[in-house]
Amino acid sequence: MTQFRISEAAQLLGVSDDTMRRWIDGGVLTARRGDGPAVIDGAELAAYARDHAPAENDPSGVGRSARNRFVGLVTAITMDTVMAQVEMQCGPHRVVSLMSSEAVRELDLQVGSLAVAVVKATTVIVETPRGKS
């Protein structure tokens, strides 16, 4: 069973250690103390993260089958005559897209533009850190 220390759990949820402790004290999450520091069960943390994920404000208003949408700001565009690399910051995540220069112009993408990165992939690589299971 995977367990996370309070500081690790807080980092994964993007909150402070103090917030995590308040949630534990309030019964929102359960911490167990064993031989070492208090830990939170990974499955309980995952359920909380899924159930309390902030809803993305998708400005496009478009219905789509892809479930992986990242709303963010365009932070960089590298473009030549044919192709472009568009970088976005979507919350804590950096998303990079390669597209035609024509698409960049048609979408009027500029650094600072609000955009939605939509990912629909048949291959997603999942990695785990050593020593965590």
N, C-alpha and C. Protein backbone atom coordinates (compact mmCIF):
# COMPACT_ATOMS: atom_id res chain seq x y z
N MET A 1 0.85 -1.17 0.00
CA MET A 1 0.00 0.00 0.00
C MET A 1 0.90 1.24 0.00
N THR A 2 0.69 2.15 -0.95
CA THR A 2 1.45 3.38 -1.03
C THR A 2 0.96 4.35 0.03
N GLN A 3 1.92 4.99 0.69
CA GLN A 3 1.61 6.00 1.69
C GLN A 3 2.46 7.23 1.44
N PHE A 4 1.93 8.38 1.82
CA PHE A 4 2.65 9.63 1.63
C PHE A 4 2.74 10.39 2.94
N ARG A 5 3.90 10.94 3.20
CA ARG A 5 4.04 11.83 4.35
C ARG A 5 3.19 13.07 4.10
N ILE A 6 2.85 13.78 5.16
CA ILE A 6 1.98 14.96 5.04
C ILE A 6 2.57 15.97 4.06
N SER A 7 3.86 16.20 4.12
CA SER A 7 4.48 17.18 3.21
C SER A 7 4.40 16.71 1.76
N GLU A 8 4.55 15.41 1.51
CA GLU A 8 4.44 14.88 0.15
C GLU A 8 3.01 15.01 -0.37
N ALA A 9 2.05 14.67 0.48
CA ALA A 9 0.64 14.76 0.10
C ALA A 9 0.27 16.21 -0.21
N ALA A 10 0.75 17.13 0.61
CA ALA A 10 0.46 18.55 0.40
C ALA A 10 1.01 19.01 -0.95
N GLN A 11 2.23 18.60 -1.26
CA GLN A 11 2.83 18.99 -2.53
C GLN A 11 2.03 18.42 -3.71
N LEU A 12 1.59 17.17 -3.61
CA LEU A 12 0.83 16.56 -4.69
C LEU A 12 -0.50 17.27 -4.92
N LEU A 13 -1.13 17.78 -3.86
CA LEU A 13 -2.41 18.48 -3.99
C LEU A 13 -2.25 19.98 -4.19
N GLY A 14 -1.02 20.47 -4.13
CA GLY A 14 -0.78 21.89 -4.35
C GLY A 14 -1.24 22.78 -3.21
N VAL A 15 -1.14 22.26 -1.98
CA VAL A 15 -1.53 23.04 -0.80
C VAL A 15 -0.36 23.03 0.19
N SER A 16 -0.48 23.81 1.25
CA SER A 16 0.57 23.86 2.26
C SER A 16 0.45 22.69 3.22
N ASP A 17 1.53 22.42 3.92
CA ASP A 17 1.50 21.39 4.97
C ASP A 17 0.45 21.72 6.02
N ASP A 18 0.33 23.01 6.35
CA ASP A 18 -0.66 23.45 7.36
C ASP A 18 -2.08 23.14 6.90
N THR A 19 -2.36 23.39 5.63
CA THR A 19 -3.70 23.08 5.09
C THR A 19 -3.96 21.58 5.20
N MET A 20 -2.98 20.78 4.86
CA MET A 20 -3.13 19.32 4.94
C MET A 20 -3.41 18.91 6.39
N ARG A 21 -2.69 19.51 7.34
CA ARG A 21 -2.92 19.17 8.76
C ARG A 21 -4.32 19.60 9.21
N ARG A 22 -4.79 20.75 8.74
CA ARG A 22 -6.16 21.19 9.07
C ARG A 22 -7.18 20.21 8.52
N TRP A 23 -6.97 19.72 7.30
CA TRP A 23 -7.89 18.74 6.72
C TRP A 23 -7.89 17.45 7.54
N ILE A 24 -6.71 17.04 7.99
CA ILE A 24 -6.62 15.84 8.83
C ILE A 24 -7.34 16.07 10.15
N ASP A 25 -7.07 17.21 10.80
CA ASP A 25 -7.72 17.53 12.08
C ASP A 25 -9.24 17.62 11.92
N GLY A 26 -9.70 18.08 10.76
CA GLY A 26 -11.13 18.23 10.49
C GLY A 26 -11.79 16.94 9.99
N GLY A 27 -11.02 15.88 9.84
CA GLY A 27 -11.59 14.61 9.41
C GLY A 27 -11.77 14.48 7.92
N VAL A 28 -11.24 15.42 7.15
CA VAL A 28 -11.35 15.35 5.69
C VAL A 28 -10.48 14.21 5.15
N LEU A 29 -9.29 14.06 5.70
CA LEU A 29 -8.37 12.98 5.35
C LEU A 29 -7.91 12.31 6.63
N THR A 30 -7.45 11.08 6.51
CA THR A 30 -7.01 10.31 7.66
C THR A 30 -5.50 10.11 7.61
N ALA A 31 -4.83 10.45 8.70
CA ALA A 31 -3.39 10.21 8.80
C ALA A 31 -3.16 9.10 9.82
N ARG A 32 -2.20 8.25 9.50
CA ARG A 32 -1.84 7.17 10.42
C ARG A 32 -0.40 7.37 10.85
N ARG A 33 -0.16 7.14 12.10
CA ARG A 33 1.20 7.27 12.61
C ARG A 33 1.71 5.87 12.93
N GLY A 34 2.82 5.52 12.30
CA GLY A 34 3.45 4.23 12.56
C GLY A 34 4.74 4.46 13.33
N ASP A 35 5.81 3.84 12.86
CA ASP A 35 7.11 4.00 13.50
C ASP A 35 7.72 5.37 13.25
N GLY A 36 7.31 6.00 12.16
CA GLY A 36 7.90 7.29 11.78
C GLY A 36 6.85 8.38 11.74
N PRO A 37 7.02 9.30 10.79
CA PRO A 37 6.07 10.41 10.68
C PRO A 37 4.68 9.94 10.22
N ALA A 38 3.68 10.79 10.45
CA ALA A 38 2.31 10.47 10.04
C ALA A 38 2.25 10.34 8.53
N VAL A 39 1.44 9.39 8.05
CA VAL A 39 1.29 9.15 6.62
C VAL A 39 -0.19 9.08 6.25
N ILE A 40 -0.44 9.34 4.97
CA ILE A 40 -1.79 9.28 4.41
C ILE A 40 -1.79 8.18 3.36
N ASP A 41 -2.81 7.35 3.38
CA ASP A 41 -2.96 6.27 2.41
C ASP A 41 -3.08 6.85 1.00
N GLY A 42 -2.32 6.29 0.06
CA GLY A 42 -2.31 6.77 -1.31
C GLY A 42 -3.67 6.68 -1.99
N ALA A 43 -4.42 5.60 -1.74
CA ALA A 43 -5.74 5.44 -2.37
C ALA A 43 -6.70 6.51 -1.85
N GLU A 44 -6.64 6.82 -0.55
CA GLU A 44 -7.51 7.86 0.01
C GLU A 44 -7.14 9.22 -0.57
N LEU A 45 -5.85 9.48 -0.70
CA LEU A 45 -5.39 10.75 -1.27
C LEU A 45 -5.83 10.88 -2.73
N ALA A 46 -5.73 9.78 -3.48
CA ALA A 46 -6.15 9.79 -4.89
C ALA A 46 -7.64 10.06 -5.02
N ALA A 47 -8.45 9.44 -4.16
CA ALA A 47 -9.90 9.67 -4.20
C ALA A 47 -10.22 11.13 -3.88
N TYR A 48 -9.53 11.68 -2.90
CA TYR A 48 -9.76 13.09 -2.56
C TYR A 48 -9.37 13.99 -3.73
N ALA A 49 -8.22 13.72 -4.33
CA ALA A 49 -7.75 14.54 -5.46
C ALA A 49 -8.73 14.49 -6.62
N ARG A 50 -9.25 13.30 -6.91
CA ARG A 50 -10.21 13.15 -8.02
C ARG A 50 -11.51 13.88 -7.72
N ASP A 51 -12.02 13.70 -6.51
CA ASP A 51 -13.32 14.27 -6.14
C ASP A 51 -13.28 15.78 -5.94
N HIS A 52 -12.11 16.34 -5.67
CA HIS A 52 -12.00 17.77 -5.38
C HIS A 52 -11.16 18.52 -6.40
N ALA A 53 -10.95 17.92 -7.55
CA ALA A 53 -10.18 18.60 -8.59
C ALA A 53 -10.93 19.84 -9.04
N PRO A 54 -10.23 20.96 -9.14
CA PRO A 54 -10.92 22.17 -9.59
C PRO A 54 -11.41 22.02 -11.02
N ALA A 55 -12.61 22.46 -11.27
CA ALA A 55 -13.16 22.41 -12.63
C ALA A 55 -12.44 23.45 -13.48
N GLU A 56 -11.99 23.01 -14.64
CA GLU A 56 -11.35 23.95 -15.55
C GLU A 56 -12.40 24.82 -16.20
N ASN A 57 -12.11 26.08 -16.29
CA ASN A 57 -12.99 27.01 -16.98
C ASN A 57 -12.58 27.01 -18.45
N ASP A 58 -13.18 26.12 -19.25
CA ASP A 58 -12.84 25.99 -20.66
C ASP A 58 -13.55 27.09 -21.43
N PRO A 59 -12.81 28.09 -21.91
CA PRO A 59 -13.43 29.23 -22.58
C PRO A 59 -13.94 28.92 -23.98
N SER A 60 -13.62 27.75 -24.51
CA SER A 60 -13.98 27.46 -25.90
C SER A 60 -15.46 27.15 -26.07
N GLY A 61 -16.08 26.56 -25.06
CA GLY A 61 -17.49 26.19 -25.16
C GLY A 61 -17.75 25.10 -26.18
N VAL A 62 -16.73 24.34 -26.52
CA VAL A 62 -16.83 23.30 -27.53
C VAL A 62 -16.99 21.95 -26.84
N GLY A 63 -17.91 21.12 -27.32
CA GLY A 63 -18.01 19.75 -26.84
C GLY A 63 -16.98 18.90 -27.56
N ARG A 64 -16.37 17.96 -26.82
CA ARG A 64 -15.34 17.13 -27.45
C ARG A 64 -15.24 15.79 -26.75
N SER A 65 -14.71 14.82 -27.45
CA SER A 65 -14.56 13.49 -26.87
C SER A 65 -13.29 13.38 -26.03
N ALA A 66 -12.28 14.19 -26.29
CA ALA A 66 -11.03 14.12 -25.53
C ALA A 66 -11.27 14.57 -24.10
N ARG A 67 -10.76 13.83 -23.15
CA ARG A 67 -10.97 14.14 -21.74
C ARG A 67 -9.82 14.93 -21.13
N ASN A 68 -8.71 15.01 -21.83
CA ASN A 68 -7.53 15.68 -21.29
C ASN A 68 -7.44 17.09 -21.86
N ARG A 69 -7.94 18.05 -21.08
CA ARG A 69 -7.94 19.45 -21.51
C ARG A 69 -7.17 20.26 -20.48
N PHE A 70 -6.31 21.14 -20.97
CA PHE A 70 -5.50 21.97 -20.09
C PHE A 70 -5.67 23.43 -20.50
N VAL A 71 -6.32 24.20 -19.66
CA VAL A 71 -6.52 25.63 -19.93
C VAL A 71 -5.29 26.37 -19.42
N GLY A 72 -4.76 27.26 -20.24
CA GLY A 72 -3.58 27.99 -19.80
C GLY A 72 -3.24 29.16 -20.70
N LEU A 73 -2.06 29.70 -20.45
CA LEU A 73 -1.57 30.85 -21.19
C LEU A 73 -0.45 30.43 -22.12
N VAL A 74 -0.45 30.98 -23.33
CA VAL A 74 0.65 30.77 -24.26
C VAL A 74 1.84 31.55 -23.71
N THR A 75 2.97 30.86 -23.51
CA THR A 75 4.14 31.50 -22.93
C THR A 75 5.27 31.72 -23.94
N ALA A 76 5.26 30.95 -25.03
CA ALA A 76 6.31 31.11 -26.05
C ALA A 76 5.84 30.52 -27.36
N ILE A 77 6.28 31.16 -28.46
CA ILE A 77 6.00 30.64 -29.80
C ILE A 77 7.29 30.74 -30.60
N THR A 78 7.72 29.61 -31.14
CA THR A 78 8.87 29.58 -32.04
C THR A 78 8.34 29.13 -33.39
N MET A 79 8.50 29.99 -34.39
CA MET A 79 7.83 29.73 -35.66
C MET A 79 8.77 29.99 -36.83
N ASP A 80 8.70 29.10 -37.84
CA ASP A 80 9.37 29.37 -39.10
C ASP A 80 8.30 29.46 -40.18
N THR A 81 8.64 29.26 -41.42
CA THR A 81 7.65 29.42 -42.48
C THR A 81 6.62 28.30 -42.52
N VAL A 82 6.97 27.11 -42.02
CA VAL A 82 6.08 25.97 -42.12
C VAL A 82 5.54 25.50 -40.78
N MET A 83 6.42 25.36 -39.78
CA MET A 83 6.04 24.77 -38.49
C MET A 83 6.26 25.74 -37.34
N ALA A 84 5.55 25.45 -36.23
CA ALA A 84 5.67 26.27 -35.04
C ALA A 84 5.67 25.38 -33.80
N GLN A 85 6.34 25.86 -32.78
CA GLN A 85 6.30 25.23 -31.46
C GLN A 85 5.63 26.23 -30.53
N VAL A 86 4.54 25.80 -29.92
CA VAL A 86 3.78 26.66 -29.02
C VAL A 86 3.88 26.08 -27.61
N GLU A 87 4.34 26.89 -26.68
CA GLU A 87 4.46 26.47 -25.29
C GLU A 87 3.37 27.15 -24.48
N MET A 88 2.78 26.38 -23.57
CA MET A 88 1.72 26.91 -22.70
C MET A 88 2.04 26.55 -21.25
N GLN A 89 1.62 27.40 -20.34
CA GLN A 89 1.67 27.09 -18.92
C GLN A 89 0.24 26.90 -18.47
N CYS A 90 -0.08 25.69 -18.07
CA CYS A 90 -1.43 25.32 -17.67
C CYS A 90 -1.37 24.93 -16.19
N GLY A 91 -1.61 25.89 -15.32
CA GLY A 91 -1.41 25.64 -13.90
C GLY A 91 0.06 25.31 -13.69
N PRO A 92 0.35 24.23 -12.99
CA PRO A 92 1.76 23.88 -12.77
C PRO A 92 2.39 23.12 -13.93
N HIS A 93 1.62 22.89 -14.99
CA HIS A 93 2.10 22.05 -16.09
C HIS A 93 2.49 22.86 -17.31
N ARG A 94 3.64 22.50 -17.88
CA ARG A 94 4.09 23.08 -19.14
C ARG A 94 3.65 22.13 -20.25
N VAL A 95 2.96 22.64 -21.24
CA VAL A 95 2.48 21.84 -22.36
C VAL A 95 3.09 22.43 -23.63
N VAL A 96 3.66 21.56 -24.47
CA VAL A 96 4.29 22.01 -25.71
C VAL A 96 3.58 21.34 -26.88
N SER A 97 3.22 22.13 -27.89
CA SER A 97 2.54 21.61 -29.07
C SER A 97 3.32 22.00 -30.32
N LEU A 98 3.42 21.07 -31.24
CA LEU A 98 3.98 21.36 -32.55
C LEU A 98 2.81 21.42 -33.53
N MET A 99 2.75 22.48 -34.29
CA MET A 99 1.66 22.67 -35.25
C MET A 99 2.17 23.47 -36.43
N SER A 100 1.35 23.61 -37.43
CA SER A 100 1.75 24.40 -38.59
C SER A 100 1.74 25.89 -38.22
N SER A 101 2.59 26.63 -38.89
CA SER A 101 2.60 28.09 -38.71
C SER A 101 1.27 28.68 -39.15
N GLU A 102 0.67 28.06 -40.16
CA GLU A 102 -0.64 28.50 -40.63
C GLU A 102 -1.67 28.41 -39.50
N ALA A 103 -1.64 27.32 -38.71
CA ALA A 103 -2.59 27.16 -37.60
C ALA A 103 -2.38 28.24 -36.54
N VAL A 104 -1.12 28.57 -36.27
CA VAL A 104 -0.84 29.63 -35.29
C VAL A 104 -1.46 30.95 -35.76
N ARG A 105 -1.30 31.25 -37.03
CA ARG A 105 -1.86 32.50 -37.56
C ARG A 105 -3.39 32.46 -37.56
N GLU A 106 -3.99 31.33 -37.96
CA GLU A 106 -5.45 31.22 -37.98
C GLU A 106 -6.05 31.34 -36.58
N LEU A 107 -5.38 30.79 -35.59
CA LEU A 107 -5.86 30.87 -34.21
C LEU A 107 -5.48 32.20 -33.54
N ASP A 108 -4.68 33.00 -34.24
CA ASP A 108 -4.18 34.27 -33.71
C ASP A 108 -3.50 34.06 -32.36
N LEU A 109 -2.70 33.00 -32.26
CA LEU A 109 -1.99 32.73 -31.02
C LEU A 109 -0.85 33.72 -30.85
N GLN A 110 -0.75 34.25 -29.65
CA GLN A 110 0.31 35.18 -29.30
C GLN A 110 0.71 34.88 -27.86
N VAL A 111 1.92 35.24 -27.51
CA VAL A 111 2.33 35.10 -26.11
C VAL A 111 1.35 35.91 -25.26
N GLY A 112 0.80 35.25 -24.25
CA GLY A 112 -0.20 35.87 -23.39
C GLY A 112 -1.63 35.50 -23.75
N SER A 113 -1.83 34.81 -24.88
CA SER A 113 -3.17 34.38 -25.27
C SER A 113 -3.68 33.29 -24.34
N LEU A 114 -4.97 33.30 -24.05
CA LEU A 114 -5.62 32.21 -23.34
C LEU A 114 -5.91 31.12 -24.36
N ALA A 115 -5.59 29.87 -24.03
CA ALA A 115 -5.81 28.78 -24.97
C ALA A 115 -6.09 27.50 -24.19
N VAL A 116 -6.61 26.51 -24.90
CA VAL A 116 -6.89 25.20 -24.31
C VAL A 116 -6.10 24.16 -25.08
N ALA A 117 -5.24 23.43 -24.38
CA ALA A 117 -4.51 22.32 -24.99
C ALA A 117 -5.38 21.07 -24.81
N VAL A 118 -5.70 20.42 -25.91
CA VAL A 118 -6.53 19.22 -25.88
C VAL A 118 -5.64 18.05 -26.29
N VAL A 119 -5.60 17.02 -25.45
CA VAL A 119 -4.73 15.88 -25.71
C VAL A 119 -5.58 14.63 -25.85
N LYS A 120 -5.48 13.98 -26.99
CA LYS A 120 -6.13 12.70 -27.19
C LYS A 120 -5.06 11.80 -27.79
N ALA A 121 -4.56 10.90 -26.97
CA ALA A 121 -3.42 10.09 -27.39
C ALA A 121 -3.70 8.62 -27.18
N THR A 122 -3.20 7.81 -28.08
CA THR A 122 -3.32 6.37 -27.90
C THR A 122 -2.18 5.84 -27.05
N THR A 123 -1.13 6.62 -26.90
CA THR A 123 0.00 6.21 -26.08
C THR A 123 0.27 7.26 -25.03
N VAL A 124 0.17 6.87 -23.77
CA VAL A 124 0.54 7.73 -22.66
C VAL A 124 1.50 6.93 -21.80
N ILE A 125 2.68 7.45 -21.61
CA ILE A 125 3.69 6.76 -20.82
C ILE A 125 3.53 7.15 -19.37
N VAL A 126 3.48 6.15 -18.49
CA VAL A 126 3.35 6.38 -17.06
C VAL A 126 4.62 5.90 -16.39
N GLU A 127 5.22 6.74 -15.56
CA GLU A 127 6.43 6.38 -14.84
C GLU A 127 6.17 6.47 -13.34
N THR A 128 6.92 5.72 -12.56
CA THR A 128 6.85 5.82 -11.11
C THR A 128 8.23 6.06 -10.56
N PRO A 129 8.34 6.82 -9.48
CA PRO A 129 9.65 7.05 -8.89
C PRO A 129 10.16 5.76 -8.24
N ARG A 130 11.46 5.59 -8.22
CA ARG A 130 12.05 4.40 -7.58
C ARG A 130 11.69 4.38 -6.11
N GLY A 131 11.39 3.20 -5.61
CA GLY A 131 11.10 3.05 -4.19
C GLY A 131 9.67 3.33 -3.81
N LYS A 132 8.85 3.85 -4.72
CA LYS A 132 7.42 4.09 -4.44
C LYS A 132 6.62 3.05 -5.20
N SER A 133 5.65 2.49 -4.55
CA SER A 133 4.80 1.51 -5.25
C SER A 133 3.36 1.74 -4.93
